[in-house]
Amino acid sequence: MSDYYAETLDLPLFRRTDPVTSKIAGSAARQFKGEHERRIIQALAAGPAHRDEIARRAGMTRDAVWRRLAAMERGGLIEKAGMARGDSGLKQAVYQALTTQK
């Protein structure tokens, strides 16, 4: 028998011995992730952009955007559309949305 449980399919796995606050934090993290993805998709609705521009449009940090991009690409929400120089002068991938969300 596994040491991991989930009260519903929408909650992350947790151990029976985890404190309630850990379970709540896990649920909040899932909601936060969804909000970030929604904001990135909305930012890309204005057109393709590199990470720095996405962060500006979405009102997020570059690191927060960077942490979401690979998973969103694997999930088929966005795709790479080329390369461009970011604010640092280094080349960055340019992304475009594959879906639109309201």
PDB file of N, CA and C in Angstrom:
ATOM      1  N   MET A   1       0.842  -1.181   0.000  1.00  0.00           N
ATOM      2  CA  MET A   1       0.000   0.000   0.000  1.00  0.00           C
ATOM      3  C   MET A   1       0.885   1.241   0.000  1.00  0.00           C
ATOM      4  N   SER A   2       0.513   2.224  -0.767  1.00  0.00           N
ATOM      5  CA  SER A   2       1.295   3.442  -0.899  1.00  0.00           C
ATOM      6  C   SER A   2       1.160   4.331   0.333  1.00  0.00           C
ATOM      7  N   ASP A   3       2.213   5.098   0.599  1.00  0.00           N
ATOM      8  CA  ASP A   3       2.171   6.083   1.677  1.00  0.00           C
ATOM      9  C   ASP A   3       1.583   7.404   1.200  1.00  0.00           C
ATOM     10  N   TYR A   4       1.203   7.489  -0.057  1.00  0.00           N
ATOM     11  CA  TYR A   4       0.697   8.737  -0.627  1.00  0.00           C
ATOM     12  C   TYR A   4      -0.790   8.629  -0.899  1.00  0.00           C
ATOM     13  N   TYR A   5      -1.499   9.721  -0.625  1.00  0.00           N
ATOM     14  CA  TYR A   5      -2.945   9.767  -0.766  1.00  0.00           C
ATOM     15  C   TYR A   5      -3.344  11.066  -1.440  1.00  0.00           C
ATOM     16  N   ALA A   6      -4.514  11.083  -2.016  1.00  0.00           N
ATOM     17  CA  ALA A   6      -5.090  12.314  -2.556  1.00  0.00           C
ATOM     18  C   ALA A   6      -6.577  12.287  -2.240  1.00  0.00           C
ATOM     19  N   GLU A   7      -7.079  13.364  -1.676  1.00  0.00           N
ATOM     20  CA  GLU A   7      -8.494  13.421  -1.322  1.00  0.00           C
ATOM     21  C   GLU A   7      -9.364  13.484  -2.572  1.00  0.00           C
ATOM     22  N   THR A   8      -8.898  14.192  -3.605  1.00  0.00           N
ATOM     23  CA  THR A   8      -9.583  14.231  -4.897  1.00  0.00           C
ATOM     24  C   THR A   8      -8.517  14.178  -5.968  1.00  0.00           C
ATOM     25  N   LEU A   9      -8.935  14.008  -7.187  1.00  0.00           N
ATOM     26  CA  LEU A   9      -7.966  13.980  -8.280  1.00  0.00           C
ATOM     27  C   LEU A   9      -7.360  15.355  -8.535  1.00  0.00           C
ATOM     28  N   ASP A  10      -7.988  16.414  -8.028  1.00  0.00           N
ATOM     29  CA  ASP A  10      -7.480  17.764  -8.246  1.00  0.00           C
ATOM     30  C   ASP A  10      -6.384  18.161  -7.267  1.00  0.00           C
ATOM     31  N   LEU A  11      -6.145  17.359  -6.247  1.00  0.00           N
ATOM     32  CA  LEU A  11      -5.125  17.696  -5.263  1.00  0.00           C
ATOM     33  C   LEU A  11      -3.844  16.933  -5.546  1.00  0.00           C
ATOM     34  N   PRO A  12      -2.709  17.541  -5.238  1.00  0.00           N
ATOM     35  CA  PRO A  12      -1.451  16.807  -5.395  1.00  0.00           C
ATOM     36  C   PRO A  12      -1.379  15.676  -4.371  1.00  0.00           C
ATOM     37  N   LEU A  13      -0.527  14.715  -4.651  1.00  0.00           N
ATOM     38  CA  LEU A  13      -0.349  13.615  -3.712  1.00  0.00           C
ATOM     39  C   LEU A  13       0.266  14.120  -2.412  1.00  0.00           C
ATOM     40  N   PHE A  14      -0.098  13.487  -1.324  1.00  0.00           N
ATOM     41  CA  PHE A  14       0.468  13.848  -0.028  1.00  0.00           C
ATOM     42  C   PHE A  14       0.550  12.599   0.828  1.00  0.00           C
ATOM     43  N   ARG A  15       1.396  12.663   1.861  1.00  0.00           N
ATOM     44  CA  ARG A  15       1.524  11.556   2.796  1.00  0.00           C
ATOM     45  C   ARG A  15       0.505  11.721   3.917  1.00  0.00           C
ATOM     46  N   ARG A  16       0.069  10.625   4.465  1.00  0.00           N
ATOM     47  CA  ARG A  16      -0.876  10.661   5.575  1.00  0.00           C
ATOM     48  C   ARG A  16      -0.328  11.491   6.740  1.00  0.00           C
ATOM     49  N   THR A  17       0.985  11.489   6.895  1.00  0.00           N
ATOM     50  CA  THR A  17       1.610  12.194   8.013  1.00  0.00           C
ATOM     51  C   THR A  17       1.895  13.673   7.718  1.00  0.00           C
ATOM     52  N   ASP A  18       1.663  14.126   6.487  1.00  0.00           N
ATOM     53  CA  ASP A  18       1.890  15.536   6.164  1.00  0.00           C
ATOM     54  C   ASP A  18       0.930  16.412   6.960  1.00  0.00           C
ATOM     55  N   PRO A  19       1.402  17.563   7.441  1.00  0.00           N
ATOM     56  CA  PRO A  19       0.506  18.468   8.155  1.00  0.00           C
ATOM     57  C   PRO A  19      -0.520  19.063   7.196  1.00  0.00           C
ATOM     58  N   VAL A  20      -1.627  19.494   7.729  1.00  0.00           N
ATOM     59  CA  VAL A  20      -2.703  20.075   6.927  1.00  0.00           C
ATOM     60  C   VAL A  20      -2.182  21.263   6.122  1.00  0.00           C
ATOM     61  N   THR A  21      -1.283  22.052   6.709  1.00  0.00           N
ATOM     62  CA  THR A  21      -0.768  23.219   5.994  1.00  0.00           C
ATOM     63  C   THR A  21      -0.037  22.825   4.714  1.00  0.00           C
ATOM     64  N   SER A  22       0.619  21.678   4.702  1.00  0.00           N
ATOM     65  CA  SER A  22       1.287  21.203   3.482  1.00  0.00           C
ATOM     66  C   SER A  22       0.268  20.848   2.409  1.00  0.00           C
ATOM     67  N   LYS A  23      -0.836  20.263   2.812  1.00  0.00           N
ATOM     68  CA  LYS A  23      -1.891  19.907   1.858  1.00  0.00           C
ATOM     69  C   LYS A  23      -2.512  21.164   1.260  1.00  0.00           C
ATOM     70  N   ILE A  24      -2.736  22.155   2.096  1.00  0.00           N
ATOM     71  CA  ILE A  24      -3.307  23.422   1.624  1.00  0.00           C
ATOM     72  C   ILE A  24      -2.326  24.120   0.678  1.00  0.00           C
ATOM     73  N   ALA A  25      -1.047  24.130   1.041  1.00  0.00           N
ATOM     74  CA  ALA A  25      -0.032  24.764   0.199  1.00  0.00           C
ATOM     75  C   ALA A  25       0.051  24.079  -1.167  1.00  0.00           C
ATOM     76  N   GLY A  26      -0.059  22.769  -1.186  1.00  0.00           N
ATOM     77  CA  GLY A  26      -0.030  22.044  -2.452  1.00  0.00           C
ATOM     78  C   GLY A  26      -1.196  22.422  -3.349  1.00  0.00           C
ATOM     79  N   SER A  27      -2.361  22.578  -2.774  1.00  0.00           N
ATOM     80  CA  SER A  27      -3.534  22.986  -3.546  1.00  0.00           C
ATOM     81  C   SER A  27      -3.371  24.413  -4.059  1.00  0.00           C
ATOM     82  N   ALA A  28      -2.847  25.294  -3.223  1.00  0.00           N
ATOM     83  CA  ALA A  28      -2.649  26.689  -3.624  1.00  0.00           C
ATOM     84  C   ALA A  28      -1.627  26.786  -4.755  1.00  0.00           C
ATOM     85  N   ALA A  29      -0.597  25.968  -4.707  1.00  0.00           N
ATOM     86  CA  ALA A  29       0.436  25.995  -5.750  1.00  0.00           C
ATOM     87  C   ALA A  29      -0.157  25.627  -7.100  1.00  0.00           C
ATOM     88  N   ARG A  30      -1.058  24.684  -7.129  1.00  0.00           N
ATOM     89  CA  ARG A  30      -1.696  24.279  -8.392  1.00  0.00           C
ATOM     90  C   ARG A  30      -2.508  25.439  -8.963  1.00  0.00           C
ATOM     91  N   GLN A  31      -3.237  26.154  -8.115  1.00  0.00           N
ATOM     92  CA  GLN A  31      -4.035  27.297  -8.564  1.00  0.00           C
ATOM     93  C   GLN A  31      -3.122  28.413  -9.070  1.00  0.00           C
ATOM     94  N   PHE A  32      -2.007  28.651  -8.357  1.00  0.00           N
ATOM     95  CA  PHE A  32      -1.047  29.684  -8.731  1.00  0.00           C
ATOM     96  C   PHE A  32      -0.465  29.375 -10.105  1.00  0.00           C
ATOM     97  N   LYS A  33      -0.123  28.129 -10.349  1.00  0.00           N
ATOM     98  CA  LYS A  33       0.420  27.705 -11.638  1.00  0.00           C
ATOM     99  C   LYS A  33      -0.570  28.022 -12.754  1.00  0.00           C
ATOM    100  N   GLY A  34      -1.838  27.711 -12.530  1.00  0.00           N
ATOM    101  CA  GLY A  34      -2.867  27.979 -13.533  1.00  0.00           C
ATOM    102  C   GLY A  34      -3.004  29.459 -13.834  1.00  0.00           C
ATOM    103  N   GLU A  35      -2.908  30.284 -12.805  1.00  0.00           N
ATOM    104  CA  GLU A  35      -2.988  31.732 -12.988  1.00  0.00           C
ATOM    105  C   GLU A  35      -1.800  32.229 -13.807  1.00  0.00           C
ATOM    106  N   HIS A  36      -0.612  31.724 -13.535  1.00  0.00           N
ATOM    107  CA  HIS A  36       0.567  32.125 -14.312  1.00  0.00           C
ATOM    108  C   HIS A  36       0.413  31.729 -15.779  1.00  0.00           C
ATOM    109  N   GLU A  37      -0.046  30.523 -16.021  1.00  0.00           N
ATOM    110  CA  GLU A  37      -0.222  30.078 -17.399  1.00  0.00           C
ATOM    111  C   GLU A  37      -1.248  30.944 -18.121  1.00  0.00           C
ATOM    112  N   ARG A  38      -2.330  31.294 -17.451  1.00  0.00           N
ATOM    113  CA  ARG A  38      -3.365  32.141 -18.049  1.00  0.00           C
ATOM    114  C   ARG A  38      -2.772  33.506 -18.421  1.00  0.00           C
ATOM    115  N   ARG A  39      -1.981  34.083 -17.530  1.00  0.00           N
ATOM    116  CA  ARG A  39      -1.386  35.397 -17.787  1.00  0.00           C
ATOM    117  C   ARG A  39      -0.382  35.343 -18.938  1.00  0.00           C
ATOM    118  N   ILE A  40       0.376  34.251 -19.048  1.00  0.00           N
ATOM    119  CA  ILE A  40       1.330  34.106 -20.149  1.00  0.00           C
ATOM    120  C   ILE A  40       0.594  33.980 -21.476  1.00  0.00           C
ATOM    121  N   ILE A  41      -0.459  33.188 -21.523  1.00  0.00           N
ATOM    122  CA  ILE A  41      -1.259  33.044 -22.751  1.00  0.00           C
ATOM    123  C   ILE A  41      -1.846  34.393 -23.149  1.00  0.00           C
ATOM    124  N   GLN A  42      -2.363  35.140 -22.179  1.00  0.00           N
ATOM    125  CA  GLN A  42      -2.912  36.470 -22.484  1.00  0.00           C
ATOM    126  C   GLN A  42      -1.820  37.399 -23.014  1.00  0.00           C
ATOM    127  N   ALA A  43      -0.622  37.323 -22.444  1.00  0.00           N
ATOM    128  CA  ALA A  43       0.482  38.152 -22.917  1.00  0.00           C
ATOM    129  C   ALA A  43       0.847  37.803 -24.357  1.00  0.00           C
ATOM    130  N   LEU A  44       0.796  36.539 -24.695  1.00  0.00           N
ATOM    131  CA  LEU A  44       1.142  36.108 -26.052  1.00  0.00           C
ATOM    132  C   LEU A  44       0.019  36.377 -27.049  1.00  0.00           C
ATOM    133  N   ALA A  45      -1.167  36.686 -26.558  1.00  0.00           N
ATOM    134  CA  ALA A  45      -2.271  37.041 -27.458  1.00  0.00           C
ATOM    135  C   ALA A  45      -1.937  38.318 -28.228  1.00  0.00           C
ATOM    136  N   ALA A  46      -1.067  39.159 -27.667  1.00  0.00           N
ATOM    137  CA  ALA A  46      -0.644  40.393 -28.339  1.00  0.00           C
ATOM    138  C   ALA A  46       0.392  40.119 -29.420  1.00  0.00           C
ATOM    139  N   GLY A  47       0.866  38.889 -29.512  1.00  0.00           N
ATOM    140  CA  GLY A  47       1.838  38.521 -30.529  1.00  0.00           C
ATOM    141  C   GLY A  47       3.022  37.784 -29.916  1.00  0.00           C
ATOM    142  N   PRO A  48       3.835  37.140 -30.755  1.00  0.00           N
ATOM    143  CA  PRO A  48       4.994  36.401 -30.272  1.00  0.00           C
ATOM    144  C   PRO A  48       5.926  37.307 -29.465  1.00  0.00           C
ATOM    145  N   ALA A  49       6.620  36.708 -28.486  1.00  0.00           N
ATOM    146  CA  ALA A  49       7.516  37.490 -27.629  1.00  0.00           C
ATOM    147  C   ALA A  49       8.544  36.579 -26.977  1.00  0.00           C
ATOM    148  N   HIS A  50       9.678  37.175 -26.590  1.00  0.00           N
ATOM    149  CA  HIS A  50      10.675  36.445 -25.819  1.00  0.00           C
ATOM    150  C   HIS A  50      10.333  36.564 -24.341  1.00  0.00           C
ATOM    151  N   ARG A  51      11.055  35.836 -23.507  1.00  0.00           N
ATOM    152  CA  ARG A  51      10.752  35.740 -22.072  1.00  0.00           C
ATOM    153  C   ARG A  51      10.650  37.108 -21.399  1.00  0.00           C
ATOM    154  N   ASP A  52      11.579  38.016 -21.696  1.00  0.00           N
ATOM    155  CA  ASP A  52      11.564  39.325 -21.048  1.00  0.00           C
ATOM    156  C   ASP A  52      10.290  40.104 -21.404  1.00  0.00           C
ATOM    157  N   GLU A  53       9.902  40.044 -22.665  1.00  0.00           N
ATOM    158  CA  GLU A  53       8.689  40.758 -23.098  1.00  0.00           C
ATOM    159  C   GLU A  53       7.440  40.104 -22.524  1.00  0.00           C
ATOM    160  N   ILE A  54       7.413  38.779 -22.483  1.00  0.00           N
ATOM    161  CA  ILE A  54       6.268  38.085 -21.875  1.00  0.00           C
ATOM    162  C   ILE A  54       6.120  38.528 -20.424  1.00  0.00           C
ATOM    163  N   ALA A  55       7.234  38.590 -19.702  1.00  0.00           N
ATOM    164  CA  ALA A  55       7.206  38.995 -18.294  1.00  0.00           C
ATOM    165  C   ALA A  55       6.629  40.400 -18.152  1.00  0.00           C
ATOM    166  N   ARG A  56       7.044  41.321 -19.013  1.00  0.00           N
ATOM    167  CA  ARG A  56       6.513  42.691 -18.967  1.00  0.00           C
ATOM    168  C   ARG A  56       5.013  42.713 -19.227  1.00  0.00           C
ATOM    169  N   ARG A  57       4.600  42.040 -20.303  1.00  0.00           N
ATOM    170  CA  ARG A  57       3.176  42.037 -20.665  1.00  0.00           C
ATOM    171  C   ARG A  57       2.306  41.394 -19.591  1.00  0.00           C
ATOM    172  N   ALA A  58       2.826  40.336 -18.965  1.00  0.00           N
ATOM    173  CA  ALA A  58       2.039  39.578 -17.979  1.00  0.00           C
ATOM    174  C   ALA A  58       2.146  40.153 -16.569  1.00  0.00           C
ATOM    175  N   GLY A  59       3.074  41.090 -16.354  1.00  0.00           N
ATOM    176  CA  GLY A  59       3.267  41.635 -15.014  1.00  0.00           C
ATOM    177  C   GLY A  59       3.870  40.612 -14.065  1.00  0.00           C
ATOM    178  N   MET A  60       4.764  39.791 -14.593  1.00  0.00           N
ATOM    179  CA  MET A  60       5.416  38.731 -13.822  1.00  0.00           C
ATOM    180  C   MET A  60       6.927  38.922 -13.874  1.00  0.00           C
ATOM    181  N   THR A  61       7.644  38.218 -13.008  1.00  0.00           N
ATOM    182  CA  THR A  61       9.097  38.248 -13.084  1.00  0.00           C
ATOM    183  C   THR A  61       9.562  37.354 -14.232  1.00  0.00           C
ATOM    184  N   ARG A  62      10.771  37.629 -14.731  1.00  0.00           N
ATOM    185  CA  ARG A  62      11.326  36.783 -15.801  1.00  0.00           C
ATOM    186  C   ARG A  62      11.483  35.349 -15.315  1.00  0.00           C
ATOM    187  N   ASP A  63      11.900  35.179 -14.055  1.00  0.00           N
ATOM    188  CA  ASP A  63      12.077  33.823 -13.522  1.00  0.00           C
ATOM    189  C   ASP A  63      10.759  33.069 -13.451  1.00  0.00           C
ATOM    190  N   ALA A  64       9.686  33.748 -13.035  1.00  0.00           N
ATOM    191  CA  ALA A  64       8.382  33.084 -12.961  1.00  0.00           C
ATOM    192  C   ALA A  64       7.930  32.638 -14.350  1.00  0.00           C
ATOM    193  N   VAL A  65       8.162  33.476 -15.347  1.00  0.00           N
ATOM    194  CA  VAL A  65       7.814  33.119 -16.723  1.00  0.00           C
ATOM    195  C   VAL A  65       8.674  31.946 -17.179  1.00  0.00           C
ATOM    196  N   TRP A  66       9.981  32.041 -16.958  1.00  0.00           N
ATOM    197  CA  TRP A  66      10.907  30.991 -17.389  1.00  0.00           C
ATOM    198  C   TRP A  66      10.512  29.635 -16.812  1.00  0.00           C
ATOM    199  N   ARG A  67      10.085  29.620 -15.539  1.00  0.00           N
ATOM    200  CA  ARG A  67       9.721  28.345 -14.898  1.00  0.00           C
ATOM    201  C   ARG A  67       8.504  27.696 -15.544  1.00  0.00           C
ATOM    202  N   ARG A  68       7.668  28.451 -16.211  1.00  0.00           N
ATOM    203  CA  ARG A  68       6.436  27.903 -16.806  1.00  0.00           C
ATOM    204  C   ARG A  68       6.570  27.536 -18.285  1.00  0.00           C
ATOM    205  N   LEU A  69       7.492  28.159 -18.995  1.00  0.00           N
ATOM    206  CA  LEU A  69       7.520  28.027 -20.452  1.00  0.00           C
ATOM    207  C   LEU A  69       7.718  26.593 -20.942  1.00  0.00           C
ATOM    208  N   ALA A  70       8.652  25.852 -20.383  1.00  0.00           N
ATOM    209  CA  ALA A  70       8.910  24.484 -20.872  1.00  0.00           C
ATOM    210  C   ALA A  70       7.685  23.591 -20.689  1.00  0.00           C
ATOM    211  N   ALA A  71       7.042  23.680 -19.530  1.00  0.00           N
ATOM    212  CA  ALA A  71       5.853  22.855 -19.286  1.00  0.00           C
ATOM    213  C   ALA A  71       4.713  23.256 -20.214  1.00  0.00           C
ATOM    214  N   MET A  72       4.580  24.551 -20.467  1.00  0.00           N
ATOM    215  CA  MET A  72       3.525  25.012 -21.372  1.00  0.00           C
ATOM    216  C   MET A  72       3.800  24.556 -22.799  1.00  0.00           C
ATOM    217  N   GLU A  73       5.069  24.532 -23.180  1.00  0.00           N
ATOM    218  CA  GLU A  73       5.427  24.043 -24.516  1.00  0.00           C
ATOM    219  C   GLU A  73       5.136  22.546 -24.626  1.00  0.00           C
ATOM    220  N   ARG A  74       5.539  21.778 -23.612  1.00  0.00           N
ATOM    221  CA  ARG A  74       5.244  20.329 -23.612  1.00  0.00           C
ATOM    222  C   ARG A  74       3.740  20.073 -23.630  1.00  0.00           C
ATOM    223  N   GLY A  75       2.972  20.937 -22.979  1.00  0.00           N
ATOM    224  CA  GLY A  75       1.518  20.777 -22.917  1.00  0.00           C
ATOM    225  C   GLY A  75       0.784  21.254 -24.157  1.00  0.00           C
ATOM    226  N   GLY A  76       1.514  21.790 -25.137  1.00  0.00           N
ATOM    227  CA  GLY A  76       0.884  22.217 -26.379  1.00  0.00           C
ATOM    228  C   GLY A  76       0.174  23.556 -26.292  1.00  0.00           C
ATOM    229  N   LEU A  77       0.486  24.358 -25.280  1.00  0.00           N
ATOM    230  CA  LEU A  77      -0.140  25.676 -25.151  1.00  0.00           C
ATOM    231  C   LEU A  77       0.613  26.751 -25.928  1.00  0.00           C
ATOM    232  N   ILE A  78       1.931  26.583 -26.036  1.00  0.00           N
ATOM    233  CA  ILE A  78       2.775  27.540 -26.740  1.00  0.00           C
ATOM    234  C   ILE A  78       3.793  26.780 -27.576  1.00  0.00           C
ATOM    235  N   GLU A  79       4.444  27.502 -28.499  1.00  0.00           N
ATOM    236  CA  GLU A  79       5.528  26.909 -29.270  1.00  0.00           C
ATOM    237  C   GLU A  79       6.584  27.958 -29.545  1.00  0.00           C
ATOM    238  N   LYS A  80       7.808  27.501 -29.811  1.00  0.00           N
ATOM    239  CA  LYS A  80       8.882  28.407 -30.176  1.00  0.00           C
ATOM    240  C   LYS A  80       8.650  28.891 -31.602  1.00  0.00           C
ATOM    241  N   ALA A  81       8.856  30.193 -31.790  1.00  0.00           N
ATOM    242  CA  ALA A  81       8.610  30.790 -33.101  1.00  0.00           C
ATOM    243  C   ALA A  81       9.860  31.469 -33.656  1.00  0.00           C
ATOM    244  N   GLY A  82      11.006  31.259 -33.022  1.00  0.00           N
ATOM    245  CA  GLY A  82      12.231  31.877 -33.494  1.00  0.00           C
ATOM    246  C   GLY A  82      13.113  32.294 -32.336  1.00  0.00           C
ATOM    247  N   MET A  83      14.056  33.179 -32.631  1.00  0.00           N
ATOM    248  CA  MET A  83      14.992  33.689 -31.629  1.00  0.00           C
ATOM    249  C   MET A  83      15.051  35.211 -31.758  1.00  0.00           C
ATOM    250  N   ALA A  84      15.320  35.883 -30.618  1.00  0.00           N
ATOM    251  CA  ALA A  84      15.486  37.340 -30.602  1.00  0.00           C
ATOM    252  C   ALA A  84      16.367  37.703 -29.419  1.00  0.00           C
ATOM    253  N   ARG A  85      16.936  38.867 -29.454  1.00  0.00           N
ATOM    254  CA  ARG A  85      17.746  39.340 -28.328  1.00  0.00           C
ATOM    255  C   ARG A  85      16.830  39.869 -27.238  1.00  0.00           C
ATOM    256  N   GLY A  86      17.064  39.379 -26.019  1.00  0.00           N
ATOM    257  CA  GLY A  86      16.303  39.841 -24.867  1.00  0.00           C
ATOM    258  C   GLY A  86      16.900  41.109 -24.296  1.00  0.00           C
ATOM    259  N   ASP A  87      16.390  41.536 -23.171  1.00  0.00           N
ATOM    260  CA  ASP A  87      16.862  42.757 -22.523  1.00  0.00           C
ATOM    261  C   ASP A  87      18.339  42.684 -22.167  1.00  0.00           C
ATOM    262  N   SER A  88      18.835  41.498 -21.882  1.00  0.00           N
ATOM    263  CA  SER A  88      20.241  41.328 -21.497  1.00  0.00           C
ATOM    264  C   SER A  88      21.179  41.355 -22.697  1.00  0.00           C
ATOM    265  N   GLY A  89      20.607  41.321 -23.901  1.00  0.00           N
ATOM    266  CA  GLY A  89      21.425  41.270 -25.104  1.00  0.00           C
ATOM    267  C   GLY A  89      21.678  39.855 -25.586  1.00  0.00           C
ATOM    268  N   LEU A  90      21.343  38.883 -24.767  1.00  0.00           N
ATOM    269  CA  LEU A  90      21.509  37.481 -25.151  1.00  0.00           C
ATOM    270  C   LEU A  90      20.312  37.005 -25.964  1.00  0.00           C
ATOM    271  N   LYS A  91      20.568  36.046 -26.828  1.00  0.00           N
ATOM    272  CA  LYS A  91      19.466  35.493 -27.622  1.00  0.00           C
ATOM    273  C   LYS A  91      18.542  34.673 -26.734  1.00  0.00           C
ATOM    274  N   GLN A  92      17.262  34.842 -26.953  1.00  0.00           N
ATOM    275  CA  GLN A  92      16.226  34.087 -26.244  1.00  0.00           C
ATOM    276  C   GLN A  92      15.240  33.539 -27.269  1.00  0.00           C
ATOM    277  N   ALA A  93      14.615  32.432 -26.923  1.00  0.00           N
ATOM    278  CA  ALA A  93      13.567  31.890 -27.779  1.00  0.00           C
ATOM    279  C   ALA A  93      12.372  32.834 -27.769  1.00  0.00           C
ATOM    280  N   VAL A  94      11.739  32.954 -28.908  1.00  0.00           N
ATOM    281  CA  VAL A  94      10.495  33.715 -29.037  1.00  0.00           C
ATOM    282  C   VAL A  94       9.374  32.683 -29.048  1.00  0.00           C
ATOM    283  N   TYR A  95       8.343  32.935 -28.257  1.00  0.00           N
ATOM    284  CA  TYR A  95       7.218  32.005 -28.134  1.00  0.00           C
ATOM    285  C   TYR A  95       5.960  32.623 -28.703  1.00  0.00           C
ATOM    286  N   GLN A  96       5.061  31.757 -29.177  1.00  0.00           N
ATOM    287  CA  GLN A  96       3.732  32.177 -29.595  1.00  0.00           C
ATOM    288  C   GLN A  96       2.715  31.221 -29.013  1.00  0.00           C
ATOM    289  N   ALA A  97       1.523  31.728 -28.786  1.00  0.00           N
ATOM    290  CA  ALA A  97       0.444  30.920 -28.223  1.00  0.00           C
ATOM    291  C   ALA A  97      -0.164  30.040 -29.301  1.00  0.00           C
ATOM    292  N   LEU A  98      -0.535  28.834 -28.892  1.00  0.00           N
ATOM    293  CA  LEU A  98      -1.237  27.932 -29.808  1.00  0.00           C
ATOM    294  C   LEU A  98      -2.726  27.914 -29.515  1.00  0.00           C
ATOM    295  N   THR A  99      -3.115  28.457 -28.371  1.00  0.00           N
ATOM    296  CA  THR A  99      -4.527  28.528 -28.006  1.00  0.00           C
ATOM    297  C   THR A  99      -4.828  29.942 -27.536  1.00  0.00           C
ATOM    298  N   THR A 100      -6.095  30.255 -27.478  1.00  0.00           N
ATOM    299  CA  THR A 100      -6.506  31.536 -26.898  1.00  0.00           C
ATOM    300  C   THR A 100      -7.429  31.256 -25.746  1.00  0.00           C
ATOM    301  N   GLN A 101      -7.262  32.005 -24.670  1.00  0.00           N
ATOM    302  CA  GLN A 101      -8.100  31.875 -23.484  1.00  0.00           C
ATOM    303  C   GLN A 101      -8.664  33.232 -23.152  1.00  0.00           C
ATOM    304  N   LYS A 102      -9.857  33.243 -22.598  1.00  0.00           N
ATOM    305  CA  LYS A 102     -10.469  34.504 -22.191  1.00  0.00           C
ATOM    306  C   LYS A 102     -10.114  34.835 -20.775  1.00  0.00           C
TER     307      LYS A 102
END
